[in-house]
Amino acid sequence: MTGMARGKSAAIYASDSAEEFGTQVDDDHIAEVSRGWTAMPPGANRRRFPKGFKPRHVQGIDATGFRGSAVIGPNAAALWTGTDTTFTVEGSDMLPHVMTVTNKVGETGGSVGAPPAP
């Protein structure tokens, strides 16, 4: 088996305060619907994460004990709400690993909700 597809695209992260940020996301993560990512429309412009901001993510473990995590686009995403309980990451062995969610970590830091600096 070979590794997962490579490449990144611009996507939208929706903060808990409903503010949208633009960020680069692996294409295979965007394709995993349960993470909730929305591709950024061509020509759209969103501000980047504030300094010190850490987005929400889930942590998980696979059947062999390999640990991984996944950043979640909106808080309505199936992985965040618990509707879906597994996600896939590429391990250091270049193989996909199916993780079972063990923990959810909310967003922290930065000044989300504050107006952008001039």
N, C-alpha and C. Protein backbone atom coordinates (compact mmCIF):
# COMPACT_ATOMS: atom_id res chain seq x y z
N MET A 1 0.85 -1.18 0.00
CA MET A 1 0.00 0.00 0.00
C MET A 1 0.89 1.24 0.00
N THR A 2 0.49 2.26 -0.72
CA THR A 2 1.27 3.49 -0.78
C THR A 2 0.66 4.54 0.13
N GLY A 3 1.39 5.65 0.30
CA GLY A 3 0.93 6.73 1.18
C GLY A 3 -0.29 7.44 0.64
N MET A 4 -0.80 8.35 1.43
CA MET A 4 -1.98 9.12 1.07
C MET A 4 -1.60 10.19 0.06
N ALA A 5 -2.60 10.77 -0.60
CA ALA A 5 -2.37 11.82 -1.59
C ALA A 5 -1.72 13.03 -0.92
N ARG A 6 -0.85 13.72 -1.63
CA ARG A 6 -0.18 14.89 -1.09
C ARG A 6 -0.71 16.14 -1.76
N GLY A 7 -0.44 17.26 -1.16
CA GLY A 7 -0.87 18.55 -1.68
C GLY A 7 -1.69 19.28 -0.64
N LYS A 8 -1.73 20.60 -0.76
CA LYS A 8 -2.51 21.42 0.17
C LYS A 8 -3.35 22.40 -0.63
N SER A 9 -4.46 22.78 -0.03
CA SER A 9 -5.36 23.76 -0.63
C SER A 9 -5.83 24.71 0.46
N ALA A 10 -6.27 25.89 0.04
CA ALA A 10 -6.83 26.86 0.98
C ALA A 10 -8.19 26.38 1.44
N ALA A 11 -8.43 26.44 2.75
CA ALA A 11 -9.70 26.00 3.32
C ALA A 11 -10.12 26.98 4.42
N ILE A 12 -11.38 26.87 4.83
CA ILE A 12 -11.94 27.78 5.82
C ILE A 12 -12.08 27.08 7.16
N TYR A 13 -11.55 27.72 8.21
CA TYR A 13 -11.72 27.27 9.59
C TYR A 13 -12.73 28.21 10.23
N ALA A 14 -13.80 27.66 10.82
CA ALA A 14 -14.81 28.47 11.50
C ALA A 14 -14.58 28.37 13.00
N SER A 15 -14.22 29.48 13.63
CA SER A 15 -13.94 29.48 15.07
C SER A 15 -15.21 29.33 15.88
N ASP A 16 -15.05 29.08 17.17
CA ASP A 16 -16.19 28.95 18.07
C ASP A 16 -16.99 30.25 18.14
N SER A 17 -16.34 31.38 17.84
CA SER A 17 -17.05 32.66 17.84
C SER A 17 -17.60 32.99 16.46
N ALA A 18 -17.61 31.99 15.55
CA ALA A 18 -18.17 32.10 14.19
C ALA A 18 -17.33 32.97 13.26
N GLU A 19 -16.11 33.26 13.62
CA GLU A 19 -15.22 34.00 12.72
C GLU A 19 -14.53 33.01 11.80
N GLU A 20 -14.40 33.36 10.52
CA GLU A 20 -13.77 32.46 9.56
C GLU A 20 -12.33 32.87 9.31
N PHE A 21 -11.46 31.86 9.26
CA PHE A 21 -10.05 32.06 8.98
C PHE A 21 -9.66 31.22 7.78
N GLY A 22 -8.69 31.70 7.00
CA GLY A 22 -8.16 30.93 5.89
C GLY A 22 -6.88 30.23 6.32
N THR A 23 -6.72 28.99 5.91
CA THR A 23 -5.52 28.23 6.24
C THR A 23 -5.26 27.18 5.17
N GLN A 24 -4.03 26.74 5.08
CA GLN A 24 -3.67 25.68 4.15
C GLN A 24 -3.90 24.33 4.82
N VAL A 25 -4.60 23.42 4.14
CA VAL A 25 -4.96 22.12 4.70
C VAL A 25 -4.59 21.04 3.69
N ASP A 26 -4.06 19.92 4.18
CA ASP A 26 -3.76 18.80 3.29
C ASP A 26 -5.03 18.42 2.53
N ASP A 27 -4.88 18.16 1.23
CA ASP A 27 -6.03 17.80 0.41
C ASP A 27 -6.73 16.54 0.92
N ASP A 28 -5.96 15.58 1.44
CA ASP A 28 -6.59 14.36 1.95
C ASP A 28 -7.41 14.66 3.21
N HIS A 29 -7.08 15.69 3.96
CA HIS A 29 -7.86 16.06 5.14
C HIS A 29 -9.15 16.75 4.73
N ILE A 30 -9.07 17.57 3.68
CA ILE A 30 -10.28 18.21 3.15
C ILE A 30 -11.24 17.14 2.62
N ALA A 31 -10.69 16.13 1.98
CA ALA A 31 -11.51 15.06 1.40
C ALA A 31 -12.21 14.21 2.47
N GLU A 32 -11.67 14.18 3.69
CA GLU A 32 -12.30 13.41 4.77
C GLU A 32 -13.44 14.26 5.35
N VAL A 33 -14.63 14.01 4.88
CA VAL A 33 -15.81 14.84 5.17
C VAL A 33 -16.05 15.05 6.66
N SER A 34 -15.75 14.06 7.47
CA SER A 34 -16.02 14.16 8.91
C SER A 34 -15.21 15.26 9.60
N ARG A 35 -14.15 15.75 8.96
CA ARG A 35 -13.36 16.85 9.53
C ARG A 35 -14.03 18.20 9.28
N GLY A 36 -14.95 18.25 8.32
CA GLY A 36 -15.77 19.44 8.10
C GLY A 36 -15.15 20.58 7.32
N TRP A 37 -14.01 20.36 6.68
CA TRP A 37 -13.36 21.46 5.96
C TRP A 37 -14.16 21.90 4.75
N THR A 38 -14.15 23.20 4.49
CA THR A 38 -14.73 23.78 3.29
C THR A 38 -13.61 24.43 2.50
N ALA A 39 -13.49 24.05 1.23
CA ALA A 39 -12.46 24.68 0.38
C ALA A 39 -12.79 26.16 0.22
N MET A 40 -11.76 26.99 0.22
CA MET A 40 -11.95 28.42 0.06
C MET A 40 -12.26 28.71 -1.41
N PRO A 41 -13.33 29.45 -1.68
CA PRO A 41 -13.67 29.77 -3.07
C PRO A 41 -12.55 30.58 -3.73
N PRO A 42 -12.35 30.40 -5.04
CA PRO A 42 -11.32 31.18 -5.74
C PRO A 42 -11.54 32.67 -5.54
N GLY A 43 -10.48 33.39 -5.25
CA GLY A 43 -10.55 34.83 -5.06
C GLY A 43 -11.00 35.27 -3.68
N ALA A 44 -11.44 34.32 -2.85
CA ALA A 44 -11.88 34.68 -1.50
C ALA A 44 -10.68 35.04 -0.64
N ASN A 45 -10.90 35.87 0.34
CA ASN A 45 -9.81 36.29 1.22
C ASN A 45 -10.29 36.19 2.66
N ARG A 46 -9.59 35.43 3.47
CA ARG A 46 -9.90 35.30 4.89
C ARG A 46 -8.61 35.61 5.66
N ARG A 47 -8.76 36.18 6.84
CA ARG A 47 -7.54 36.46 7.61
C ARG A 47 -6.98 35.17 8.19
N ARG A 48 -5.71 35.20 8.51
CA ARG A 48 -5.03 34.04 9.08
C ARG A 48 -5.30 33.97 10.58
N PHE A 49 -4.95 32.82 11.17
CA PHE A 49 -5.13 32.66 12.61
C PHE A 49 -4.37 33.75 13.37
N PRO A 50 -4.94 34.27 14.45
CA PRO A 50 -4.21 35.24 15.28
C PRO A 50 -2.98 34.58 15.91
N LYS A 51 -1.99 35.39 16.22
CA LYS A 51 -0.78 34.88 16.86
C LYS A 51 -1.14 34.16 18.15
N GLY A 52 -0.60 32.96 18.32
CA GLY A 52 -0.83 32.19 19.53
C GLY A 52 -2.10 31.34 19.52
N PHE A 53 -2.89 31.45 18.46
CA PHE A 53 -4.14 30.69 18.38
C PHE A 53 -3.86 29.23 18.03
N LYS A 54 -4.55 28.32 18.71
CA LYS A 54 -4.45 26.89 18.42
C LYS A 54 -5.85 26.38 18.10
N PRO A 55 -6.07 25.87 16.89
CA PRO A 55 -7.41 25.42 16.51
C PRO A 55 -7.84 24.15 17.24
N ARG A 56 -9.15 23.93 17.27
CA ARG A 56 -9.69 22.71 17.90
C ARG A 56 -9.17 21.48 17.15
N HIS A 57 -9.01 20.38 17.87
CA HIS A 57 -8.58 19.14 17.23
C HIS A 57 -9.00 17.94 18.08
N VAL A 58 -9.01 16.80 17.42
CA VAL A 58 -9.26 15.55 18.13
C VAL A 58 -7.97 14.76 18.15
N GLN A 59 -7.82 13.94 19.16
CA GLN A 59 -6.68 13.04 19.26
C GLN A 59 -7.20 11.63 19.18
N GLY A 60 -6.37 10.72 18.67
CA GLY A 60 -6.83 9.35 18.54
C GLY A 60 -5.70 8.35 18.55
N ILE A 61 -6.06 7.07 18.50
CA ILE A 61 -5.11 5.98 18.52
C ILE A 61 -5.62 4.88 17.58
N ASP A 62 -4.70 4.20 16.90
CA ASP A 62 -5.12 3.10 16.04
C ASP A 62 -4.92 1.77 16.75
N ALA A 63 -5.23 0.68 16.07
CA ALA A 63 -5.19 -0.65 16.67
C ALA A 63 -3.79 -1.09 17.08
N THR A 64 -2.74 -0.47 16.50
CA THR A 64 -1.37 -0.84 16.84
C THR A 64 -0.75 0.07 17.89
N GLY A 65 -1.51 1.08 18.36
CA GLY A 65 -0.99 1.99 19.37
C GLY A 65 -0.44 3.29 18.81
N PHE A 66 -0.44 3.45 17.46
CA PHE A 66 0.03 4.68 16.83
C PHE A 66 -0.95 5.80 17.18
N ARG A 67 -0.43 6.96 17.61
CA ARG A 67 -1.27 8.09 18.00
C ARG A 67 -1.23 9.18 16.93
N GLY A 68 -2.34 9.87 16.78
CA GLY A 68 -2.42 10.96 15.81
C GLY A 68 -3.47 11.96 16.22
N SER A 69 -3.56 13.04 15.45
CA SER A 69 -4.57 14.07 15.73
C SER A 69 -5.08 14.64 14.42
N ALA A 70 -6.22 15.32 14.51
CA ALA A 70 -6.83 15.93 13.33
C ALA A 70 -7.45 17.26 13.72
N VAL A 71 -7.07 18.33 13.00
CA VAL A 71 -7.69 19.64 13.20
C VAL A 71 -9.08 19.58 12.56
N ILE A 72 -10.05 20.17 13.22
CA ILE A 72 -11.44 20.12 12.79
C ILE A 72 -11.87 21.50 12.29
N GLY A 73 -12.41 21.58 11.06
CA GLY A 73 -12.80 22.86 10.45
C GLY A 73 -13.84 23.63 11.23
N PRO A 74 -15.09 23.17 11.31
CA PRO A 74 -16.11 23.85 12.11
C PRO A 74 -16.50 22.99 13.31
N ASN A 75 -17.08 23.61 14.33
CA ASN A 75 -17.47 22.82 15.50
C ASN A 75 -18.71 21.96 15.24
N ALA A 76 -19.31 22.08 14.05
CA ALA A 76 -20.44 21.22 13.67
C ALA A 76 -19.97 19.96 12.93
N ALA A 77 -18.67 19.82 12.73
CA ALA A 77 -18.13 18.66 12.00
C ALA A 77 -18.42 17.37 12.76
N ALA A 78 -18.66 16.30 12.02
CA ALA A 78 -19.04 15.01 12.61
C ALA A 78 -18.00 14.48 13.59
N LEU A 79 -16.72 14.72 13.35
CA LEU A 79 -15.69 14.26 14.29
C LEU A 79 -15.76 15.03 15.61
N TRP A 80 -16.15 16.28 15.55
CA TRP A 80 -16.22 17.10 16.75
C TRP A 80 -17.49 16.80 17.55
N THR A 81 -18.60 16.59 16.85
CA THR A 81 -19.87 16.33 17.54
C THR A 81 -19.95 14.90 18.06
N GLY A 82 -19.12 14.02 17.52
CA GLY A 82 -19.14 12.63 17.95
C GLY A 82 -19.96 11.72 17.05
N THR A 83 -20.56 12.28 16.01
CA THR A 83 -21.32 11.47 15.05
C THR A 83 -20.39 10.46 14.38
N ASP A 84 -19.19 10.90 14.02
CA ASP A 84 -18.14 10.00 13.51
C ASP A 84 -17.07 9.88 14.59
N THR A 85 -16.48 8.71 14.71
CA THR A 85 -15.50 8.48 15.78
C THR A 85 -14.15 8.01 15.27
N THR A 86 -13.96 8.00 13.95
CA THR A 86 -12.65 7.61 13.40
C THR A 86 -12.20 8.61 12.34
N PHE A 87 -10.89 8.72 12.19
CA PHE A 87 -10.30 9.56 11.16
C PHE A 87 -8.99 8.90 10.71
N THR A 88 -8.47 9.35 9.59
CA THR A 88 -7.27 8.73 9.03
C THR A 88 -6.12 9.73 9.00
N VAL A 89 -4.95 9.28 9.38
CA VAL A 89 -3.72 10.08 9.26
C VAL A 89 -2.66 9.24 8.57
N GLU A 90 -1.70 9.91 7.99
CA GLU A 90 -0.57 9.21 7.39
C GLU A 90 0.53 9.11 8.44
N GLY A 91 0.98 7.90 8.71
CA GLY A 91 2.02 7.69 9.70
C GLY A 91 3.41 7.93 9.14
N SER A 92 4.41 7.89 10.00
CA SER A 92 5.79 8.04 9.57
C SER A 92 6.21 6.89 8.66
N ASP A 93 5.42 5.82 8.65
CA ASP A 93 5.68 4.69 7.75
C ASP A 93 5.06 4.92 6.38
N MET A 94 4.49 6.12 6.16
CA MET A 94 3.86 6.53 4.91
C MET A 94 2.59 5.75 4.60
N LEU A 95 2.01 5.09 5.58
CA LEU A 95 0.78 4.34 5.41
C LEU A 95 -0.36 5.02 6.14
N PRO A 96 -1.58 4.87 5.63
CA PRO A 96 -2.73 5.44 6.34
C PRO A 96 -3.04 4.65 7.61
N HIS A 97 -3.34 5.37 8.68
CA HIS A 97 -3.69 4.76 9.96
C HIS A 97 -5.08 5.28 10.35
N VAL A 98 -6.00 4.38 10.62
CA VAL A 98 -7.35 4.76 11.04
C VAL A 98 -7.34 4.91 12.55
N MET A 99 -7.60 6.12 13.00
CA MET A 99 -7.59 6.47 14.42
C MET A 99 -9.00 6.45 14.99
N THR A 100 -9.12 6.00 16.21
CA THR A 100 -10.37 6.13 16.97
C THR A 100 -10.19 7.31 17.92
N VAL A 101 -11.14 8.23 17.91
CA VAL A 101 -11.05 9.43 18.74
C VAL A 101 -11.01 9.04 20.22
N THR A 102 -10.02 9.61 20.93
CA THR A 102 -9.88 9.38 22.37
C THR A 102 -10.08 10.65 23.18
N ASN A 103 -9.92 11.82 22.51
CA ASN A 103 -9.97 13.08 23.23
C ASN A 103 -10.29 14.22 22.27
N LYS A 104 -11.01 15.22 22.76
CA LYS A 104 -11.25 16.44 21.99
C LYS A 104 -10.58 17.60 22.73
N VAL A 105 -9.88 18.46 21.97
CA VAL A 105 -9.18 19.60 22.55
C VAL A 105 -9.71 20.87 21.88
N GLY A 106 -10.32 21.75 22.66
CA GLY A 106 -10.90 22.98 22.12
C GLY A 106 -9.85 23.99 21.71
N GLU A 107 -10.28 24.99 20.96
CA GLU A 107 -9.35 26.03 20.51
C GLU A 107 -8.93 26.89 21.68
N THR A 108 -7.70 27.41 21.59
CA THR A 108 -7.14 28.23 22.66
C THR A 108 -6.28 29.34 22.08
N GLY A 109 -6.03 30.36 22.90
CA GLY A 109 -5.08 31.41 22.59
C GLY A 109 -5.56 32.38 21.53
N GLY A 110 -4.70 33.33 21.22
CA GLY A 110 -5.02 34.34 20.22
C GLY A 110 -6.15 35.24 20.67
N SER A 111 -6.56 36.11 19.80
CA SER A 111 -7.65 37.04 20.13
C SER A 111 -8.78 36.84 19.13
N VAL A 112 -9.32 35.62 19.08
CA VAL A 112 -10.42 35.33 18.17
C VAL A 112 -11.62 36.15 18.57
N GLY A 113 -12.29 36.71 17.58
CA GLY A 113 -13.45 37.54 17.85
C GLY A 113 -13.09 39.02 17.88
N ALA A 114 -11.82 39.34 18.01
CA ALA A 114 -11.37 40.73 17.98
C ALA A 114 -11.26 41.18 16.53
N PRO A 115 -11.49 42.45 16.26
CA PRO A 115 -11.36 42.93 14.88
C PRO A 115 -9.92 42.82 14.40
N PRO A 116 -9.72 42.61 13.10
CA PRO A 116 -8.36 42.52 12.58
C PRO A 116 -7.58 43.81 12.84
N ALA A 117 -6.29 43.66 13.07
CA ALA A 117 -5.44 44.83 13.29
C ALA A 117 -5.35 45.64 12.00
N PRO A 118 -5.30 46.96 12.10
CA PRO A 118 -5.21 47.80 10.88
C PRO A 118 -3.90 47.61 10.16
